[in-house]
Amino acid sequence: MSRLAAVVIVLVACSSRDDRPRPSPDVAHPARPAPSPSPAPSPSSAWPELEDLPRAAPTYTVAIPRRAGAPRFHVAGPVLVDGVAVVAASDVGFVAVDAASGRVVWTRPVQGHVATPLVEARNVALLGGCAEPVASAPDDLALGCLSIVEAASGRDVAAQIVRGSRRDVAAFAATPGPSRLIRVGDSYRWQREGTAVRIDAATGRAGPASSAAPPAVEVIYRGQRWGWSIDDEVLVGRVDGHEVWRHRRRVAALVGVLAPEPPQVPVVRAVAAVTRGSSGALTIVDVEGLSGSLGTASHSVPGIQVLATAFGDRGITALAIRLDTSLARDYLAVFDGNTLLMWVWPLPEKPRADPVGLALDGERVVVFHDGELVSVLPIALQSPTSPSAAPAPSENATP
């Protein structure tokens, strides 16, 4: 494989103010001054399921200051751009943390909902409730504010108030739940649950969009648009929107795709739920993207649910895993490009209501957990699983 690209479709988030917003196996075919980094929470050492697995620890954990009295509706992120991790919460706003130092480099306020920031080159698209009230024509409805900012500085590149005709966007505005933002050509698709709107990138004007969810990951291969998603707990492959294969094996999560140049073919990475003894377990599986043929699989790790995934350069894979039904024991497991487990890190043992978010680059993994904590752990690959000692995924035998 001459070149490897990890393709992952990311989510969104935003902020602004008035009319000129500013910062404030079988296959079936058919910049505010930053607080000092807080000490890393002490993980539990009494989890026998993880006793024999290699452990890692955070370099630091940063506590994000919450806005007193503000309700928490949504938590989103992180995304990583040039070493800056951006997270969001409705009672926090958008916060950018330098992943090397733990310093907060900029913040943006919001009111109400937020969505995961969307990476656009070296910028980040932020979408959420406008920080201040905005006026609209009687027949219009303001949905939120969209800002494109430089990831390193937080400086505005562009900003729009997102508005649409009440007739076209009222159902979307009334739909609760987490949001997903995708860039599609010269527009954005903003989706919540079973509803979606299209946003013109230049004007911020919102209109109706198909409620059909796009593929979770996709690539252009030999001139065709290949996409893969989970449908009824099975992995499905599509070409130009038409289903071409469907697995009969259930999967718990779709991680990403290793996208080489022809004649080698895309390889889709997913997580399957298995049984180990009397307990639940999870294993990473690689699937040949064009035919759905099952390829390599990792050794299983204990757990009953995948809470979050991240996929990076050379196929490095991070999973946030719920260990059992106590809902208080969750941990991070990181695998190299050959799906070999490198290390685990137990999150602080506590009932966890807020989502866990993951992002990674070539040096570190960033975890956003408990609605206000950003923990950073070095990938720190060591022989024999380091890039210098282990073959890259593109050098492995493909299905």
Protein backbone atom coordinates (compact mmCIF):
# COMPACT_ATOMS: atom_id res chain seq x y z
CA MET A 1 0.00 0.00 0.00
CA SER A 2 1.62 3.24 -1.09
CA ARG A 3 -0.53 5.48 1.01
CA LEU A 4 -2.85 5.08 3.98
CA ALA A 5 -5.64 7.40 4.92
CA ALA A 6 -7.81 7.02 7.96
CA VAL A 7 -11.25 8.33 7.08
CA VAL A 8 -13.58 9.18 9.87
CA ILE A 9 -16.70 11.30 9.67
CA VAL A 10 -16.85 13.66 12.56
CA LEU A 11 -19.65 15.54 14.34
CA VAL A 12 -20.12 19.27 15.21
CA ALA A 13 -20.75 22.41 17.31
CA CYS A 14 -21.15 26.38 17.38
CA SER A 15 -21.67 29.92 18.80
CA SER A 16 -22.23 33.60 17.94
CA ARG A 17 -24.44 36.62 18.44
CA ASP A 18 -26.56 39.11 16.39
CA ASP A 19 -26.61 39.48 12.58
CA ARG A 20 -22.80 39.56 12.45
CA PRO A 21 -21.90 36.86 14.94
CA ARG A 22 -18.53 37.01 16.54
CA PRO A 23 -16.72 35.04 19.16
CA SER A 24 -18.05 35.77 22.44
CA PRO A 25 -18.12 -13.50 8.93
CA ASP A 26 -20.93 -14.47 6.42
CA VAL A 27 -21.94 -11.89 3.89
CA ALA A 28 -25.32 -11.51 2.19
CA HIS A 29 -25.18 -9.59 -1.09
CA PRO A 30 -28.24 -7.58 -2.29
CA ALA A 31 -8.55 32.58 24.63
CA ARG A 32 -9.19 32.97 28.20
CA PRO A 33 -6.41 32.50 30.85
CA ALA A 34 -6.29 28.82 31.60
CA PRO A 35 -6.64 27.15 34.97
CA SER A 36 -3.71 25.04 36.05
CA PRO A 37 -4.02 21.40 35.06
CA SER A 38 -5.63 19.34 37.79
CA PRO A 39 -4.00 16.16 39.04
CA ALA A 40 -5.14 13.12 37.11
CA PRO A 41 -7.93 11.18 38.88
CA SER A 42 -6.68 8.00 40.51
CA PRO A 43 -8.05 4.99 38.63
CA SER A 44 -9.30 1.99 40.53
CA SER A 45 -6.74 -0.76 41.05
CA ALA A 46 -9.31 -3.33 42.16
CA TRP A 47 -10.67 -4.37 38.78
CA PRO A 48 -9.62 -8.02 38.42
CA GLU A 49 -10.78 -8.16 34.78
CA LEU A 50 -7.96 -5.78 33.83
CA GLU A 51 -5.35 -7.09 36.25
CA ASP A 52 -3.10 -8.74 33.64
CA LEU A 53 -3.33 -5.99 31.02
CA PRO A 54 -0.68 -3.28 30.54
CA ARG A 55 -1.65 0.03 32.11
CA ALA A 56 -1.20 3.66 31.14
CA ALA A 57 -1.83 6.86 33.08
CA PRO A 58 -2.73 10.40 32.00
CA THR A 59 -0.02 12.98 31.60
CA TYR A 60 -2.55 15.34 33.12
CA THR A 61 -6.27 15.97 33.55
CA VAL A 62 -7.72 19.45 33.06
CA ALA A 63 -10.96 20.46 34.77
CA ILE A 64 -13.08 22.66 32.49
CA PRO A 65 -14.87 25.37 34.53
CA ARG A 66 -18.65 25.14 34.29
CA ARG A 67 -21.00 28.11 34.11
CA ALA A 68 -22.81 28.37 37.46
CA GLY A 69 -26.49 27.54 37.22
CA ALA A 70 -26.42 26.61 33.54
CA PRO A 71 -28.18 23.34 32.63
CA ARG A 72 -26.26 20.58 30.89
CA PHE A 73 -28.18 19.33 27.85
CA HIS A 74 -25.39 18.06 25.62
CA VAL A 75 -21.71 17.12 25.85
CA ALA A 76 -19.60 16.80 22.70
CA GLY A 77 -16.05 16.27 21.49
CA PRO A 78 -13.15 16.20 21.58
CA VAL A 79 -11.65 16.79 18.17
CA LEU A 80 -7.90 17.29 17.66
CA VAL A 81 -6.42 19.80 15.21
CA ASP A 82 -2.68 20.54 15.16
CA GLY A 83 -2.36 19.49 18.80
CA VAL A 84 -5.38 21.50 20.01
CA ALA A 85 -8.29 19.55 21.55
CA VAL A 86 -11.72 21.20 21.27
CA VAL A 87 -14.60 20.07 23.50
CA ALA A 88 -18.10 21.38 24.12
CA ALA A 89 -20.86 21.25 26.72
CA SER A 90 -24.02 23.29 27.02
CA ASP A 91 -23.04 24.51 30.51
CA VAL A 92 -19.43 25.17 29.48
CA GLY A 93 -19.44 26.36 25.87
CA PHE A 94 -16.59 25.49 23.53
CA VAL A 95 -13.17 25.08 25.10
CA ALA A 96 -9.84 24.54 23.31
CA VAL A 97 -7.01 22.87 25.25
CA ASP A 98 -3.40 22.63 24.12
CA ALA A 99 -2.89 18.88 24.25
CA ALA A 100 0.85 19.18 24.88
CA SER A 101 0.68 21.53 27.88
CA GLY A 102 -2.87 21.28 29.24
CA ARG A 103 -3.36 25.03 28.84
CA VAL A 104 -6.79 26.36 27.86
CA VAL A 105 -6.08 28.50 24.77
CA TRP A 106 -9.56 29.85 23.94
CA THR A 107 -13.22 29.54 24.85
CA ARG A 108 -16.58 30.39 23.24
CA PRO A 109 -19.91 30.79 25.07
CA VAL A 110 -23.16 29.14 23.94
CA GLN A 111 -26.74 28.94 25.14
CA GLY A 112 -28.55 25.59 25.06
CA HIS A 113 -27.53 22.86 22.65
CA VAL A 114 -24.07 22.07 21.28
CA ALA A 115 -22.72 19.47 18.89
CA THR A 116 -19.32 17.95 18.31
CA PRO A 117 -16.95 20.39 16.59
CA LEU A 118 -16.25 19.63 12.93
CA VAL A 119 -12.66 19.68 11.67
CA GLU A 120 -12.14 21.58 8.43
CA ALA A 121 -8.44 21.56 7.49
CA ARG A 122 -6.78 23.61 10.25
CA ASN A 123 -10.06 25.22 11.28
CA VAL A 124 -12.99 24.02 13.39
CA ALA A 125 -16.70 24.55 12.72
CA LEU A 126 -18.64 25.31 15.92
CA LEU A 127 -22.41 24.95 15.90
CA GLY A 128 -24.79 25.47 18.79
CA GLY A 129 -27.20 27.84 20.46
CA CYS A 130 -26.38 31.53 19.93
CA ALA A 131 -24.70 33.12 22.93
CA GLU A 132 -27.04 36.15 22.74
CA PRO A 133 -30.63 36.55 21.48
CA VAL A 134 -31.00 37.20 17.75
CA ALA A 135 -33.86 38.73 15.79
CA SER A 136 -35.54 37.01 12.85
CA ALA A 137 -38.34 37.76 10.42
CA PRO A 138 -41.79 36.58 11.60
CA ASP A 139 -41.82 33.66 9.18
CA ASP A 140 -38.27 32.62 10.09
CA LEU A 141 -36.91 30.56 12.96
CA ALA A 142 -33.37 30.96 14.29
CA LEU A 143 -31.84 27.52 14.92
CA GLY A 144 -28.40 28.48 16.20
CA CYS A 145 -25.07 30.04 15.27
CA LEU A 146 -22.30 28.62 13.11
CA SER A 147 -18.71 29.85 13.41
CA ILE A 148 -15.59 28.71 11.58
CA VAL A 149 -12.57 29.45 13.74
CA GLU A 150 -8.84 28.84 13.62
CA ALA A 151 -8.16 25.88 15.89
CA ALA A 152 -4.90 27.30 17.23
CA SER A 153 -6.14 30.80 18.08
CA GLY A 154 -9.95 30.71 18.12
CA ARG A 155 -10.01 33.64 15.66
CA ASP A 156 -13.10 33.88 13.46
CA VAL A 157 -12.74 32.86 9.83
CA ALA A 158 -16.49 33.04 9.09
CA ALA A 159 -19.71 33.20 11.08
CA GLN A 160 -23.41 32.88 10.29
CA ILE A 161 -26.71 32.82 12.12
CA VAL A 162 -28.55 29.67 11.03
CA ARG A 163 -32.15 30.52 10.10
CA GLY A 164 -34.88 28.89 8.09
CA SER A 165 -38.54 29.14 7.23
CA ARG A 166 -40.68 27.99 10.16
CA ARG A 167 -42.56 25.71 7.82
CA ASP A 168 -39.34 23.96 6.79
CA VAL A 169 -37.38 23.79 10.06
CA ALA A 170 -39.94 23.72 12.91
CA ALA A 171 -39.88 19.91 13.20
CA PHE A 172 -36.11 19.92 13.38
CA ALA A 173 -36.07 22.70 16.00
CA ALA A 174 -38.47 20.71 18.20
CA THR A 175 -36.40 17.52 18.02
CA PRO A 176 -34.20 16.93 21.11
CA GLY A 177 -31.02 14.93 21.34
CA PRO A 178 -27.39 15.12 20.22
CA SER A 179 -26.55 16.77 16.91
CA ARG A 180 -24.37 15.69 14.02
CA LEU A 181 -22.89 18.13 11.49
CA ILE A 182 -21.37 17.01 8.17
CA ARG A 183 -19.83 19.09 5.41
CA VAL A 184 -21.39 18.21 2.04
CA GLY A 185 -19.91 20.28 -0.79
CA ASP A 186 -20.95 23.91 -0.34
CA SER A 187 -23.38 23.13 2.46
CA TYR A 188 -23.68 21.44 5.83
CA ARG A 189 -26.08 18.74 6.94
CA TRP A 190 -27.26 19.18 10.55
CA GLN A 191 -28.96 16.09 11.92
CA ARG A 192 -30.80 15.27 15.16
CA GLU A 193 -32.37 11.88 15.68
CA GLY A 194 -34.64 11.32 12.64
CA THR A 195 -34.69 14.90 11.35
CA ALA A 196 -32.16 17.00 9.43
CA VAL A 197 -31.70 20.37 7.74
CA ARG A 198 -29.35 21.59 5.03
CA ILE A 199 -27.36 24.75 5.82
CA ASP A 200 -25.89 26.92 3.08
CA ALA A 201 -22.26 27.48 4.09
CA ALA A 202 -22.14 31.00 2.66
CA THR A 203 -25.40 32.42 4.03
CA GLY A 204 -26.38 30.19 6.95
CA ARG A 205 -29.82 29.69 5.39
CA ALA A 206 -31.39 26.37 6.52
CA GLY A 207 -33.85 24.27 4.57
CA PRO A 208 -35.28 20.75 4.58
CA ALA A 209 -33.01 17.75 4.05
CA SER A 210 -33.60 14.04 3.73
CA SER A 211 -33.91 12.33 7.10
CA ALA A 212 -31.98 9.30 5.80
CA ALA A 213 -28.69 9.13 7.68
CA PRO A 214 -25.55 9.17 5.49
CA PRO A 215 -22.90 6.45 5.84
CA ALA A 216 -20.82 6.63 9.00
CA VAL A 217 -17.59 6.46 6.97
CA GLU A 218 -16.99 6.69 3.24
CA VAL A 219 -14.20 6.96 0.64
CA ILE A 220 -13.92 7.44 -3.12
CA TYR A 221 -12.42 4.28 -4.60
CA ARG A 222 -11.93 3.81 -8.36
CA GLY A 223 -14.34 6.66 -9.02
CA GLN A 224 -17.14 5.23 -6.88
CA ARG A 225 -18.35 6.49 -3.50
CA TRP A 226 -18.13 3.60 -1.05
CA GLY A 227 -19.82 3.97 2.32
CA TRP A 228 -20.19 1.75 5.38
CA SER A 229 -22.58 2.00 8.31
CA ILE A 230 -24.33 -0.09 10.96
CA ASP A 231 -27.92 -1.06 10.14
CA ASP A 232 -29.88 -3.18 12.65
CA GLU A 233 -26.61 -4.04 14.43
CA VAL A 234 -24.92 -5.41 11.31
CA LEU A 235 -22.30 -3.85 9.06
CA VAL A 236 -23.54 -2.77 5.63
CA GLY A 237 -21.51 -1.74 2.57
CA ARG A 238 -22.90 0.58 -0.12
CA VAL A 239 -21.74 1.95 -3.48
CA ASP A 240 -23.15 5.32 -4.51
CA GLY A 241 -25.94 4.80 -1.97
CA HIS A 242 -26.91 1.28 -3.09
CA GLU A 243 -26.42 -1.63 -0.70
CA VAL A 244 -24.02 -4.27 -2.07
CA TRP A 245 -23.33 -6.45 0.95
CA ARG A 246 -24.52 -7.02 4.49
CA HIS A 247 -22.88 -8.99 7.29
CA ARG A 248 -24.83 -11.49 9.32
CA ARG A 249 -22.52 -11.03 12.30
CA ARG A 250 -23.59 -8.39 14.81
CA VAL A 251 -21.22 -5.53 15.49
CA ALA A 252 -21.11 -3.15 18.43
CA ALA A 253 -19.39 -0.19 16.74
CA LEU A 254 -17.88 1.01 13.48
CA VAL A 255 -14.46 2.57 14.00
CA GLY A 256 -13.19 3.73 10.60
CA VAL A 257 -11.69 2.66 7.30
CA LEU A 258 -8.14 2.06 6.12
CA ALA A 259 -8.28 3.54 2.62
CA PRO A 260 -5.35 2.57 0.37
CA GLU A 261 -4.77 3.31 -3.27
CA PRO A 262 -5.73 0.68 -5.88
CA PRO A 263 -5.08 -2.14 -6.47
CA GLN A 264 -5.30 -2.66 -2.71
CA VAL A 265 -8.79 -2.29 -1.29
CA PRO A 266 -10.36 -0.43 1.65
CA VAL A 267 -10.47 -2.29 4.96
CA VAL A 268 -13.26 -1.43 7.40
CA ARG A 269 -12.52 -1.67 11.12
CA ALA A 270 -15.39 -2.55 13.45
CA VAL A 271 -15.92 -3.94 16.97
CA ALA A 272 -17.85 -7.18 17.51
CA ALA A 273 -19.43 -8.32 20.76
CA VAL A 274 -18.38 -11.83 21.79
CA THR A 275 -18.60 -14.04 24.87
CA ARG A 276 -15.58 -14.97 26.96
CA GLY A 277 -16.48 -17.54 29.57
CA SER A 278 -19.57 -16.22 31.34
CA SER A 279 -18.73 -12.57 30.68
CA GLY A 280 -19.09 -10.18 27.78
CA ALA A 281 -16.11 -9.27 25.64
CA LEU A 282 -15.30 -7.10 22.62
CA THR A 283 -12.95 -7.73 19.73
CA ILE A 284 -11.77 -5.57 16.83
CA VAL A 285 -12.44 -7.08 13.40
CA ASP A 286 -11.19 -5.94 9.99
CA VAL A 287 -13.51 -6.46 7.03
CA GLU A 288 -12.63 -6.23 3.33
CA GLY A 289 -14.64 -3.19 2.30
CA LEU A 290 -15.62 -4.19 -1.25
CA SER A 291 -16.91 -7.70 -0.59
CA GLY A 292 -17.52 -7.80 3.17
CA SER A 293 -15.15 -10.74 3.65
CA LEU A 294 -14.00 -11.07 7.25
CA GLY A 295 -10.28 -10.52 7.77
CA THR A 296 -8.13 -10.31 10.88
CA ALA A 297 -9.44 -10.03 14.44
CA SER A 298 -7.81 -8.87 17.66
CA HIS A 299 -7.70 -10.66 20.97
CA SER A 300 -10.85 -9.84 22.91
CA VAL A 301 -10.98 -7.48 25.88
CA PRO A 302 -13.62 -7.53 28.63
CA GLY A 303 -16.67 -5.32 28.31
CA ILE A 304 -20.35 -5.09 27.47
CA GLN A 305 -20.59 -1.84 25.47
CA VAL A 306 -18.50 0.51 23.33
CA LEU A 307 -19.03 4.06 24.57
CA ALA A 308 -16.79 5.85 22.06
CA THR A 309 -14.15 5.19 19.40
CA ALA A 310 -11.24 7.05 17.80
CA PHE A 311 -9.21 6.10 14.76
CA GLY A 312 -5.90 7.58 13.72
CA ASP A 313 -2.75 7.43 11.67
CA ARG A 314 -1.47 3.94 10.85
CA GLY A 315 -4.70 2.43 12.17
CA ILE A 316 -4.18 3.27 15.86
CA THR A 317 -7.54 2.56 17.51
CA ALA A 318 -8.91 3.75 20.85
CA LEU A 319 -12.07 2.38 22.47
CA ALA A 320 -13.93 3.63 25.54
CA ILE A 321 -15.51 0.49 27.01
CA ARG A 322 -18.17 -0.13 29.66
CA LEU A 323 -16.92 -3.03 31.71
CA ASP A 324 -20.14 -4.22 33.35
CA THR A 325 -23.70 -3.36 34.34
CA SER A 326 -22.62 -1.34 37.39
CA LEU A 327 -22.45 1.69 35.01
CA ALA A 328 -19.52 2.91 37.12
CA ARG A 329 -16.58 0.96 35.64
CA ASP A 330 -15.47 2.25 32.26
CA TYR A 331 -12.01 2.12 30.73
CA LEU A 332 -9.96 3.12 27.72
CA ALA A 333 -8.25 0.47 25.56
CA VAL A 334 -5.75 1.45 22.84
CA PHE A 335 -4.65 -0.87 20.01
CA ASP A 336 -1.90 -0.51 17.44
CA GLY A 337 -2.51 -0.68 13.69
CA ASN A 338 -2.32 -4.47 13.75
CA THR A 339 -5.12 -4.59 16.39
CA LEU A 340 -2.70 -5.61 19.16
CA LEU A 341 -3.64 -4.21 22.58
CA MET A 342 -1.07 -1.69 23.79
CA TRP A 343 -2.55 -0.55 27.09
CA VAL A 344 -5.68 0.21 29.13
CA TRP A 345 -6.62 3.03 31.47
CA PRO A 346 -9.55 2.74 33.93
CA LEU A 347 -11.55 5.95 34.16
CA PRO A 348 -12.41 7.15 37.68
CA GLU A 349 -14.87 4.69 39.17
CA LYS A 350 -18.23 6.48 39.46
CA PRO A 351 -21.72 6.31 37.94
CA ARG A 352 -21.23 7.97 34.55
CA ALA A 353 -24.23 9.72 33.01
CA ASP A 354 -22.41 11.98 30.55
CA PRO A 355 -20.99 10.59 27.29
CA VAL A 356 -17.29 9.79 26.94
CA GLY A 357 -15.52 11.30 23.93
CA LEU A 358 -12.21 10.28 22.31
CA ALA A 359 -9.77 11.76 19.82
CA LEU A 360 -6.20 10.84 18.94
CA ASP A 361 -3.27 11.88 16.81
CA GLY A 362 0.17 10.36 16.31
CA GLU A 363 1.34 11.23 19.82
CA ARG A 364 -1.56 11.15 22.26
CA VAL A 365 -5.11 10.17 23.11
CA VAL A 366 -7.52 12.80 24.47
CA VAL A 367 -10.50 11.72 26.58
CA PHE A 368 -13.40 14.05 27.45
CA HIS A 369 -15.26 12.49 30.37
CA ASP A 370 -17.70 13.32 33.14
CA GLY A 371 -18.80 16.47 31.35
CA GLU A 372 -15.90 18.61 32.54
CA LEU A 373 -12.61 16.65 32.53
CA VAL A 374 -10.10 16.42 29.68
CA SER A 375 -7.47 13.71 30.21
CA VAL A 376 -4.47 13.34 27.90
CA LEU A 377 -2.47 10.09 27.64
CA PRO A 378 0.61 9.50 25.46
CA ILE A 379 0.30 6.71 22.92
CA ALA A 380 3.96 5.90 23.70
CA LEU A 381 4.32 2.94 21.34
CA GLN A 382 7.04 0.57 22.41
CA SER A 383 8.64 -2.42 20.70
CA PRO A 384 7.36 -4.75 19.41
CA THR A 385 4.21 -2.71 18.69
CA SER A 386 5.90 0.56 17.74
CA PRO A 387 5.77 1.78 14.15
CA SER A 388 9.47 1.01 13.75
CA ALA A 389 9.08 -2.57 14.92
CA ALA A 390 5.61 -3.54 13.68
CA PRO A 391 4.38 -3.49 10.09
CA ALA A 392 1.83 -0.87 9.24
CA PRO A 393 -1.69 -2.13 8.48
CA SER A 394 -1.00 -1.65 4.76
CA GLU A 395 1.74 -4.27 4.97
CA ASN A 396 -0.50 -6.93 6.47
CA ALA A 397 -2.11 -9.61 4.37
CA THR A 398 -5.57 -8.37 3.37
CA PRO A 399 -8.63 -10.62 3.04
